[in-house]
């Protein structure tokens, strides 16, 4: 299972530190990335993007907003109402989603 998940994670071009995980975390990262992929087209339509940075031991997802999303005055609303809701629906154990660049 590890090799399969590792290959899937590697294709996502995530930061190296995300690869240092146990089997339980692998599926969590994949589910979070899949959730982000669901909302990514809406962000891209407005000139923005989002990337997964880390998931803390407290189950807080850290993301980085790119492009127009980084400087948008509605980014906090997008983060809570869009991103966090989508991620928590995919991975209920996630407590919150926070942007590291705001």
Protein backbone atom coordinates (compact mmCIF):
# COMPACT_ATOMS: atom_id res chain seq x y z
CA UNK A 1 0.00 0.00 0.00
CA UNK A 2 2.78 2.45 0.81
CA UNK A 3 4.31 2.33 -2.67
CA UNK A 4 0.94 2.92 -4.31
CA UNK A 5 0.09 5.89 -2.08
CA UNK A 6 3.60 7.26 -2.35
CA UNK A 7 3.36 7.26 -6.15
CA UNK A 8 -0.03 9.00 -6.05
CA UNK A 9 1.26 11.59 -3.58
CA UNK A 10 4.42 12.16 -5.59
CA UNK A 11 2.31 13.01 -8.66
CA UNK A 12 0.60 15.75 -6.63
CA UNK A 13 3.94 17.59 -6.23
CA UNK A 14 3.43 18.12 -2.52
CA UNK A 15 6.23 19.39 -0.27
CA UNK A 16 8.70 16.67 0.78
CA UNK A 17 7.71 16.81 4.46
CA UNK A 18 4.29 15.46 3.57
CA UNK A 19 5.88 12.18 2.49
CA UNK A 20 7.07 11.45 6.02
CA UNK A 21 3.87 9.90 7.28
CA UNK A 22 2.28 6.67 8.33
CA UNK A 23 -0.30 4.71 6.34
CA UNK A 24 -3.23 6.47 8.05
CA UNK A 25 -1.95 9.92 7.09
CA UNK A 26 -1.46 9.01 3.45
CA UNK A 27 -5.15 8.57 2.83
CA UNK A 28 -5.95 11.77 4.75
CA UNK A 29 -3.59 13.79 2.55
CA UNK A 30 -5.04 12.25 -0.58
CA UNK A 31 -8.61 12.99 0.52
CA UNK A 32 -7.70 16.59 1.35
CA UNK A 33 -5.98 17.07 -1.99
CA UNK A 34 -8.99 15.59 -3.77
CA UNK A 35 -11.26 18.01 -1.88
CA UNK A 36 -9.03 20.93 -2.90
CA UNK A 37 -9.17 19.72 -6.50
CA UNK A 38 -12.97 19.97 -6.36
CA UNK A 39 -12.89 23.68 -5.54
CA UNK A 40 -9.72 24.59 -7.46
CA UNK A 41 -11.58 25.38 -10.74
CA UNK A 42 -13.65 28.05 -8.93
CA UNK A 43 -10.52 29.64 -7.51
CA UNK A 44 -8.74 29.49 -10.86
CA UNK A 45 -11.72 31.15 -12.56
CA UNK A 46 -11.03 34.22 -10.41
CA UNK A 47 -7.27 34.12 -10.97
CA UNK A 48 -6.32 32.25 -7.81
CA UNK A 49 -5.23 28.84 -6.62
CA UNK A 50 -4.59 26.91 -3.42
CA UNK A 51 -2.00 24.37 -2.29
CA UNK A 52 -1.83 22.01 0.66
CA UNK A 53 1.11 22.79 2.92
CA UNK A 54 0.62 20.52 5.93
CA UNK A 55 -1.78 18.88 8.33
CA UNK A 56 -0.84 19.45 11.95
CA UNK A 57 -1.04 16.83 14.67
CA UNK A 58 -4.09 18.77 15.90
CA UNK A 59 -5.83 18.05 12.55
CA UNK A 60 -5.56 21.61 11.31
CA UNK A 61 -4.99 21.90 7.57
CA UNK A 62 -2.53 24.60 6.51
CA UNK A 63 -2.92 25.87 2.95
CA UNK A 64 -1.31 28.54 0.86
CA UNK A 65 -3.41 30.83 -1.30
CA UNK A 66 -1.93 31.91 -4.62
CA UNK A 67 -2.59 34.60 -7.19
CA UNK A 68 -5.70 36.71 -6.75
CA UNK A 69 -6.78 34.62 -3.74
CA UNK A 70 -3.75 35.80 -1.78
CA UNK A 71 -4.78 39.46 -1.89
CA UNK A 72 -8.57 39.15 -2.16
CA UNK A 73 -10.54 40.80 0.63
CA UNK A 74 -13.00 37.88 0.48
CA UNK A 75 -10.31 35.22 0.96
CA UNK A 76 -11.26 34.67 4.61
CA UNK A 77 -14.85 33.97 3.58
CA UNK A 78 -13.71 31.69 0.75
CA UNK A 79 -11.43 29.85 3.15
CA UNK A 80 -14.13 29.22 5.78
CA UNK A 81 -17.27 28.82 3.66
CA UNK A 82 -15.70 27.11 0.67
CA UNK A 83 -12.40 25.44 1.42
CA UNK A 84 -12.94 24.42 5.04
CA UNK A 85 -16.45 23.14 4.39
CA UNK A 86 -15.30 21.05 1.43
CA UNK A 87 -12.28 19.64 3.27
CA UNK A 88 -14.26 18.83 6.42
CA UNK A 89 -16.91 17.08 4.35
CA UNK A 90 -14.20 14.88 2.80
CA UNK A 91 -12.27 14.37 6.06
CA UNK A 92 -14.55 14.91 9.08
CA UNK A 93 -11.71 14.67 11.61
CA UNK A 94 -10.23 17.95 10.32
CA UNK A 95 -10.78 20.72 12.86
CA UNK A 96 -10.01 23.78 10.75
CA UNK A 97 -8.36 25.07 7.60
CA UNK A 98 -5.94 27.99 7.91
CA UNK A 99 -4.08 30.01 5.30
CA UNK A 100 -0.39 30.45 6.09
CA UNK A 101 -0.05 33.59 3.97
CA UNK A 102 -2.81 35.69 5.56
